[in-house]
């Protein structure tokens, strides 16, 4: 009974993976990167479980290709997140540009005022202090 449920789960993960991969390749938007990573993590966890339940399960053999795919997808996701952060930073910096222009024009603006303004306008500025040091 448990073997059948594990097999069905593995098959559903495989179908979902291929659908997500097809969507990623056809849309080229990157929206499927995170769900694809989640799916791969579930597959890796299932492989770990099977290695515990089934003596002689070739864990290294099945994990290796999945880990290679995960590494490639993670690199793409990191680039995607970096681009999103850069976009947010650019938008916030543009909103704060009058103060920067005034500063470049010779106006004396205290550093404290600039830092406080940046912290208000950048969603990730000072995030570590709000998240308990992370």
N, C-alpha and C. Protein backbone atom coordinates (compact mmCIF):
# COMPACT_ATOMS: atom_id res chain seq x y z
N UNK A 1 0.82 -1.20 0.00
CA UNK A 1 0.00 0.00 0.00
C UNK A 1 0.87 1.26 0.00
N UNK A 2 1.86 1.32 0.90
CA UNK A 2 2.72 2.51 0.95
C UNK A 2 3.56 2.63 -0.32
N UNK A 3 3.94 1.47 -0.87
CA UNK A 3 4.72 1.50 -2.10
C UNK A 3 3.92 2.15 -3.23
N UNK A 4 2.65 1.83 -3.29
CA UNK A 4 1.78 2.38 -4.35
C UNK A 4 1.63 3.89 -4.17
N UNK A 5 1.47 4.34 -2.93
CA UNK A 5 1.32 5.78 -2.67
C UNK A 5 2.61 6.54 -3.00
N UNK A 6 3.76 5.94 -2.65
CA UNK A 6 5.04 6.57 -2.98
C UNK A 6 5.24 6.65 -4.49
N UNK A 7 4.86 5.59 -5.18
CA UNK A 7 4.98 5.57 -6.64
C UNK A 7 4.08 6.64 -7.26
N UNK A 8 2.85 6.74 -6.78
CA UNK A 8 1.92 7.76 -7.30
C UNK A 8 2.45 9.16 -7.02
N UNK A 9 3.01 9.36 -5.84
CA UNK A 9 3.57 10.67 -5.49
C UNK A 9 4.74 11.00 -6.41
N UNK A 10 5.63 10.03 -6.62
CA UNK A 10 6.78 10.23 -7.50
C UNK A 10 6.30 10.56 -8.92
N UNK A 11 5.30 9.85 -9.40
CA UNK A 11 4.78 10.10 -10.74
C UNK A 11 4.15 11.49 -10.85
N UNK A 12 3.45 11.91 -9.80
CA UNK A 12 2.84 13.25 -9.82
C UNK A 12 3.91 14.33 -9.81
N UNK A 13 4.98 14.11 -9.05
CA UNK A 13 6.09 15.07 -9.05
C UNK A 13 6.74 15.15 -10.43
N UNK A 14 6.90 13.99 -11.06
CA UNK A 14 7.50 13.96 -12.40
C UNK A 14 6.65 14.70 -13.42
N UNK A 15 5.34 14.48 -13.40
CA UNK A 15 4.44 15.18 -14.32
C UNK A 15 4.49 16.68 -14.08
N UNK A 16 4.43 17.06 -12.80
CA UNK A 16 4.46 18.48 -12.46
C UNK A 16 5.77 19.11 -12.91
N UNK A 17 6.88 18.40 -12.72
CA UNK A 17 8.19 18.90 -13.12
C UNK A 17 8.22 19.18 -14.62
N UNK A 18 7.74 18.25 -15.41
CA UNK A 18 7.77 18.42 -16.86
C UNK A 18 6.84 19.55 -17.32
N UNK A 19 5.70 19.70 -16.67
CA UNK A 19 4.80 20.82 -17.00
C UNK A 19 5.45 22.16 -16.66
N UNK A 20 6.08 22.23 -15.50
CA UNK A 20 6.76 23.47 -15.10
C UNK A 20 7.92 23.79 -16.03
N UNK A 21 8.66 22.77 -16.41
CA UNK A 21 9.80 22.97 -17.30
C UNK A 21 9.33 23.44 -18.68
N UNK A 22 8.28 22.82 -19.20
CA UNK A 22 7.73 23.25 -20.49
C UNK A 22 7.26 24.70 -20.42
N UNK A 23 6.59 25.05 -19.33
CA UNK A 23 6.11 26.43 -19.17
C UNK A 23 7.28 27.40 -19.09
N UNK A 24 8.31 27.03 -18.40
CA UNK A 24 9.50 27.89 -18.27
C UNK A 24 10.13 28.11 -19.63
N UNK A 25 10.29 27.05 -20.40
CA UNK A 25 10.95 27.15 -21.70
C UNK A 25 10.09 27.88 -22.73
N UNK A 26 8.78 27.73 -22.66
CA UNK A 26 7.91 28.38 -23.65
C UNK A 26 7.64 29.84 -23.30
N UNK A 27 7.47 30.15 -22.02
CA UNK A 27 7.14 31.52 -21.63
C UNK A 27 8.37 32.41 -21.50
N UNK A 28 9.47 31.83 -21.12
CA UNK A 28 10.73 32.55 -20.93
C UNK A 28 10.57 33.76 -19.98
N UNK A 29 9.65 33.64 -19.03
CA UNK A 29 9.42 34.74 -18.10
C UNK A 29 10.11 34.50 -16.76
N UNK A 30 10.41 33.26 -16.46
CA UNK A 30 11.06 32.96 -15.20
C UNK A 30 10.11 32.75 -14.05
N UNK A 31 8.81 32.86 -14.29
CA UNK A 31 7.83 32.68 -13.21
C UNK A 31 7.85 31.26 -12.65
N UNK A 32 8.29 30.32 -13.46
CA UNK A 32 8.26 28.92 -13.05
C UNK A 32 9.52 28.48 -12.31
N UNK A 33 10.50 29.36 -12.17
CA UNK A 33 11.76 28.96 -11.52
C UNK A 33 11.56 28.52 -10.08
N UNK A 34 10.83 29.29 -9.31
CA UNK A 34 10.65 28.94 -7.90
C UNK A 34 9.86 27.64 -7.75
N UNK A 35 8.70 27.49 -8.42
CA UNK A 35 7.99 26.21 -8.30
C UNK A 35 8.81 25.02 -8.79
N UNK A 36 9.65 25.25 -9.80
CA UNK A 36 10.50 24.17 -10.30
C UNK A 36 11.51 23.75 -9.24
N UNK A 37 12.09 24.72 -8.54
CA UNK A 37 13.03 24.41 -7.45
C UNK A 37 12.33 23.66 -6.32
N UNK A 38 11.12 24.09 -5.99
CA UNK A 38 10.35 23.43 -4.93
C UNK A 38 10.09 21.98 -5.32
N UNK A 39 9.71 21.75 -6.57
CA UNK A 39 9.45 20.40 -7.06
C UNK A 39 10.70 19.54 -6.94
N UNK A 40 11.83 20.08 -7.34
CA UNK A 40 13.08 19.31 -7.25
C UNK A 40 13.44 18.99 -5.80
N UNK A 41 13.20 19.94 -4.91
CA UNK A 41 13.47 19.68 -3.49
C UNK A 41 12.59 18.55 -2.96
N UNK A 42 11.34 18.52 -3.41
CA UNK A 42 10.45 17.45 -3.01
C UNK A 42 10.95 16.11 -3.55
N UNK A 43 11.42 16.12 -4.79
CA UNK A 43 11.95 14.88 -5.37
C UNK A 43 13.19 14.40 -4.59
N UNK A 44 14.07 15.33 -4.25
CA UNK A 44 15.27 14.96 -3.49
C UNK A 44 14.89 14.41 -2.11
N UNK A 45 13.90 15.02 -1.48
CA UNK A 45 13.44 14.52 -0.18
C UNK A 45 12.84 13.12 -0.32
N UNK A 46 12.11 12.89 -1.39
CA UNK A 46 11.54 11.57 -1.64
C UNK A 46 12.66 10.54 -1.84
N UNK A 47 13.69 10.91 -2.57
CA UNK A 47 14.83 10.00 -2.77
C UNK A 47 15.48 9.66 -1.43
N UNK A 48 15.63 10.67 -0.57
CA UNK A 48 16.20 10.42 0.76
C UNK A 48 15.33 9.46 1.56
N UNK A 49 14.03 9.65 1.48
CA UNK A 49 13.10 8.75 2.19
C UNK A 49 13.21 7.33 1.65
N UNK A 50 13.26 7.20 0.34
CA UNK A 50 13.37 5.86 -0.26
C UNK A 50 14.67 5.17 0.14
N UNK A 51 15.73 5.95 0.29
CA UNK A 51 17.01 5.37 0.71
C UNK A 51 16.92 4.82 2.13
N UNK A 52 16.11 5.45 2.96
CA UNK A 52 15.91 4.97 4.33
C UNK A 52 15.02 3.74 4.34
N UNK A 53 13.96 3.76 3.55
CA UNK A 53 12.99 2.67 3.56
C UNK A 53 13.46 1.43 2.80
N UNK A 54 14.21 1.64 1.75
CA UNK A 54 14.58 0.53 0.86
C UNK A 54 16.08 0.31 0.88
N UNK A 55 16.48 -0.81 1.44
CA UNK A 55 17.91 -1.14 1.48
C UNK A 55 18.40 -1.38 0.05
N UNK A 56 19.54 -0.82 -0.27
CA UNK A 56 20.11 -0.98 -1.60
C UNK A 56 19.62 0.05 -2.61
N UNK A 57 18.82 1.02 -2.17
CA UNK A 57 18.37 2.08 -3.07
C UNK A 57 19.56 2.90 -3.52
N UNK A 58 19.73 3.08 -4.81
CA UNK A 58 20.90 3.77 -5.38
C UNK A 58 20.71 5.28 -5.27
N UNK A 59 20.87 5.79 -4.07
CA UNK A 59 20.62 7.21 -3.80
C UNK A 59 21.51 8.11 -4.63
N UNK A 60 22.81 7.83 -4.67
CA UNK A 60 23.73 8.69 -5.42
C UNK A 60 23.38 8.73 -6.90
N UNK A 61 22.96 7.62 -7.42
CA UNK A 61 22.64 7.53 -8.85
C UNK A 61 21.45 8.41 -9.22
N UNK A 62 20.43 8.43 -8.38
CA UNK A 62 19.24 9.22 -8.70
C UNK A 62 19.38 10.68 -8.27
N UNK A 63 20.16 10.93 -7.24
CA UNK A 63 20.32 12.31 -6.76
C UNK A 63 21.21 13.15 -7.67
N UNK A 64 22.21 12.53 -8.26
CA UNK A 64 23.21 13.29 -9.03
C UNK A 64 22.59 14.13 -10.15
N UNK A 65 21.76 13.54 -11.04
CA UNK A 65 21.15 14.39 -12.09
C UNK A 65 20.24 15.47 -11.52
N UNK A 66 19.49 15.13 -10.48
CA UNK A 66 18.59 16.12 -9.88
C UNK A 66 19.38 17.27 -9.26
N UNK A 67 20.50 16.97 -8.64
CA UNK A 67 21.35 18.01 -8.03
C UNK A 67 21.95 18.92 -9.11
N UNK A 68 22.32 18.35 -10.25
CA UNK A 68 22.86 19.16 -11.35
C UNK A 68 21.80 20.13 -11.87
N UNK A 69 20.59 19.62 -12.04
CA UNK A 69 19.49 20.48 -12.50
C UNK A 69 19.21 21.55 -11.45
N UNK A 70 19.20 21.16 -10.18
CA UNK A 70 18.95 22.11 -9.09
C UNK A 70 19.99 23.23 -9.09
N UNK A 71 21.24 22.87 -9.30
CA UNK A 71 22.31 23.87 -9.31
C UNK A 71 22.10 24.88 -10.43
N UNK A 72 21.75 24.39 -11.61
CA UNK A 72 21.52 25.29 -12.75
C UNK A 72 20.30 26.18 -12.51
N UNK A 73 19.22 25.60 -12.01
CA UNK A 73 18.01 26.38 -11.75
C UNK A 73 18.24 27.39 -10.63
N UNK A 74 19.01 27.00 -9.62
CA UNK A 74 19.30 27.92 -8.52
C UNK A 74 20.10 29.12 -9.01
N UNK A 75 21.03 28.90 -9.92
CA UNK A 75 21.81 30.01 -10.47
C UNK A 75 20.89 30.97 -11.23
N UNK A 76 19.94 30.43 -11.99
CA UNK A 76 18.99 31.28 -12.71
C UNK A 76 18.11 32.04 -11.73
N UNK A 77 17.65 31.36 -10.68
CA UNK A 77 16.79 32.00 -9.68
C UNK A 77 17.55 33.11 -8.95
N UNK A 78 18.81 32.86 -8.62
CA UNK A 78 19.62 33.89 -7.96
C UNK A 78 19.75 35.13 -8.85
N UNK A 79 19.97 34.90 -10.15
CA UNK A 79 20.07 36.03 -11.09
C UNK A 79 18.74 36.77 -11.18
N UNK A 80 17.64 36.02 -11.17
CA UNK A 80 16.31 36.62 -11.24
C UNK A 80 16.05 37.49 -10.01
N UNK A 81 16.35 36.97 -8.84
CA UNK A 81 16.13 37.73 -7.60
C UNK A 81 17.04 38.96 -7.58
N UNK A 82 18.28 38.79 -8.02
CA UNK A 82 19.21 39.93 -8.08
C UNK A 82 18.68 41.03 -8.99
N UNK A 83 18.13 40.64 -10.13
CA UNK A 83 17.57 41.63 -11.06
C UNK A 83 16.36 42.33 -10.45
N UNK A 84 15.54 41.59 -9.72
CA UNK A 84 14.37 42.20 -9.06
C UNK A 84 14.81 43.21 -8.01
N UNK A 85 15.82 42.85 -7.24
CA UNK A 85 16.33 43.76 -6.20
C UNK A 85 16.93 45.00 -6.85
N UNK A 86 17.68 44.81 -7.94
CA UNK A 86 18.27 45.95 -8.64
C UNK A 86 17.18 46.87 -9.19
N UNK A 87 16.11 46.30 -9.69
CA UNK A 87 15.00 47.09 -10.21
C UNK A 87 14.35 47.91 -9.10
N UNK A 88 14.10 47.28 -7.96
CA UNK A 88 13.52 47.99 -6.81
C UNK A 88 14.45 49.11 -6.36
N UNK A 89 15.73 48.79 -6.28
CA UNK A 89 16.71 49.79 -5.84
C UNK A 89 16.71 50.98 -6.80
N UNK A 90 16.68 50.70 -8.10
CA UNK A 90 16.69 51.76 -9.10
C UNK A 90 15.44 52.64 -8.96
N UNK A 91 14.28 52.02 -8.76
CA UNK A 91 13.04 52.78 -8.60
C UNK A 91 13.08 53.66 -7.35
N UNK A 92 13.56 53.09 -6.25
CA UNK A 92 13.61 53.85 -5.00
C UNK A 92 14.64 54.96 -5.08
N UNK A 93 15.75 54.67 -5.73
CA UNK A 93 16.80 55.68 -5.87
C UNK A 93 16.30 56.83 -6.73
N UNK A 94 15.54 56.50 -7.79
CA UNK A 94 14.96 57.53 -8.64
C UNK A 94 14.00 58.41 -7.84
N UNK A 95 13.21 57.80 -6.97
CA UNK A 95 12.28 58.56 -6.13
C UNK A 95 13.03 59.47 -5.17
N UNK A 96 14.24 59.06 -4.80
CA UNK A 96 15.02 59.83 -3.84
C UNK A 96 15.99 60.79 -4.53
N UNK A 97 15.96 60.85 -5.86
CA UNK A 97 16.94 61.63 -6.62
C UNK A 97 16.92 63.13 -6.33
N UNK A 98 15.80 63.78 -6.00
CA UNK A 98 15.88 65.22 -5.70
C UNK A 98 16.83 65.53 -4.54
N UNK A 99 16.84 64.69 -3.52
CA UNK A 99 17.74 64.91 -2.39
C UNK A 99 19.19 64.70 -2.84
N UNK A 100 19.41 63.68 -3.66
CA UNK A 100 20.77 63.43 -4.14
C UNK A 100 21.25 64.57 -5.03
N UNK A 101 20.35 65.08 -5.89
CA UNK A 101 20.72 66.21 -6.75
C UNK A 101 21.05 67.44 -5.92
N UNK A 102 20.26 67.69 -4.86
CA UNK A 102 20.52 68.83 -3.99
C UNK A 102 21.87 68.67 -3.31
N UNK A 103 22.19 67.45 -2.93
CA UNK A 103 23.47 67.19 -2.29
C UNK A 103 24.62 67.42 -3.27
N UNK A 104 24.46 66.96 -4.51
CA UNK A 104 25.50 67.14 -5.52
C UNK A 104 25.64 68.61 -5.89
N UNK A 105 24.56 69.36 -5.79
CA UNK A 105 24.58 70.78 -6.12
C UNK A 105 25.25 71.63 -5.05
N UNK A 106 25.74 71.05 -4.01
CA UNK A 106 26.46 71.80 -2.98
C UNK A 106 25.67 72.04 -1.72
N UNK A 107 24.41 71.63 -1.69
CA UNK A 107 23.62 71.82 -0.48
C UNK A 107 24.16 70.91 0.61
N UNK A 108 24.22 71.44 1.81
CA UNK A 108 24.72 70.65 2.95
C UNK A 108 23.56 69.88 3.56
N UNK A 109 23.53 68.58 3.29
CA UNK A 109 22.50 67.72 3.86
C UNK A 109 23.19 66.77 4.83
N UNK A 110 22.75 66.76 6.09
CA UNK A 110 23.38 65.85 7.05
C UNK A 110 23.26 64.39 6.60
N UNK A 111 24.30 63.62 6.82
CA UNK A 111 24.32 62.20 6.45
C UNK A 111 23.15 61.47 7.10
N UNK A 112 22.83 61.84 8.33
CA UNK A 112 21.72 61.20 9.05
C UNK A 112 20.42 61.32 8.26
N UNK A 113 20.16 62.49 7.66
CA UNK A 113 18.94 62.70 6.89
C UNK A 113 18.93 61.80 5.65
N UNK A 114 20.07 61.67 4.99
CA UNK A 114 20.17 60.82 3.80
C UNK A 114 19.93 59.36 4.18
N UNK A 115 20.57 58.91 5.25
CA UNK A 115 20.42 57.50 5.68
C UNK A 115 18.98 57.23 6.07
N UNK A 116 18.36 58.11 6.82
CA UNK A 116 16.96 57.92 7.23
C UNK A 116 16.05 57.88 6.00
N UNK A 117 16.31 58.73 5.04
CA UNK A 117 15.51 58.75 3.81
C UNK A 117 15.65 57.47 3.02
N UNK A 118 16.87 56.96 2.94
CA UNK A 118 17.10 55.70 2.23
C UNK A 118 16.41 54.55 2.94
N UNK A 119 16.46 54.52 4.26
CA UNK A 119 15.82 53.44 5.00
C UNK A 119 14.31 53.45 4.82
N UNK A 120 13.73 54.62 4.67
CA UNK A 120 12.30 54.71 4.45
C UNK A 120 11.93 54.28 3.03
N UNK A 121 12.80 54.54 2.06
CA UNK A 121 12.49 54.30 0.66
C UNK A 121 12.95 52.96 0.12
N UNK A 122 13.85 52.27 0.81
CA UNK A 122 14.33 50.98 0.33
C UNK A 122 13.78 49.87 1.20
N UNK A 123 13.00 48.96 0.64
CA UNK A 123 12.35 47.92 1.44
C UNK A 123 13.34 46.96 2.10
N UNK A 124 14.52 46.82 1.53
CA UNK A 124 15.47 45.87 2.09
C UNK A 124 16.52 46.54 2.95
N UNK A 125 16.51 47.87 3.06
CA UNK A 125 17.48 48.56 3.91
C UNK A 125 17.11 48.34 5.37
N UNK A 126 18.05 47.94 6.15
CA UNK A 126 17.81 47.71 7.56
C UNK A 126 17.00 46.47 7.86
N UNK A 127 16.82 45.61 6.87
CA UNK A 127 16.00 44.40 7.05
C UNK A 127 16.59 43.47 8.11
N UNK A 128 17.90 43.45 8.24
CA UNK A 128 18.50 42.53 9.19
C UNK A 128 18.15 42.91 10.63
N UNK A 129 17.99 44.20 10.89
CA UNK A 129 17.64 44.59 12.26
C UNK A 129 16.19 44.25 12.58
N UNK A 130 15.33 44.22 11.56
CA UNK A 130 13.92 43.90 11.80
C UNK A 130 13.68 42.41 11.88
N UNK A 131 14.58 41.62 11.37
CA UNK A 131 14.38 40.17 11.33
C UNK A 131 15.21 39.45 12.38
N UNK A 132 15.59 40.13 13.37
CA UNK A 132 16.32 39.47 14.45
C UNK A 132 17.75 39.09 14.05
N UNK A 133 18.40 39.92 13.22
CA UNK A 133 19.81 39.70 12.92
C UNK A 133 20.09 38.80 11.75
N UNK A 134 19.08 38.43 10.99
CA UNK A 134 19.33 37.58 9.82
C UNK A 134 19.81 38.38 8.66
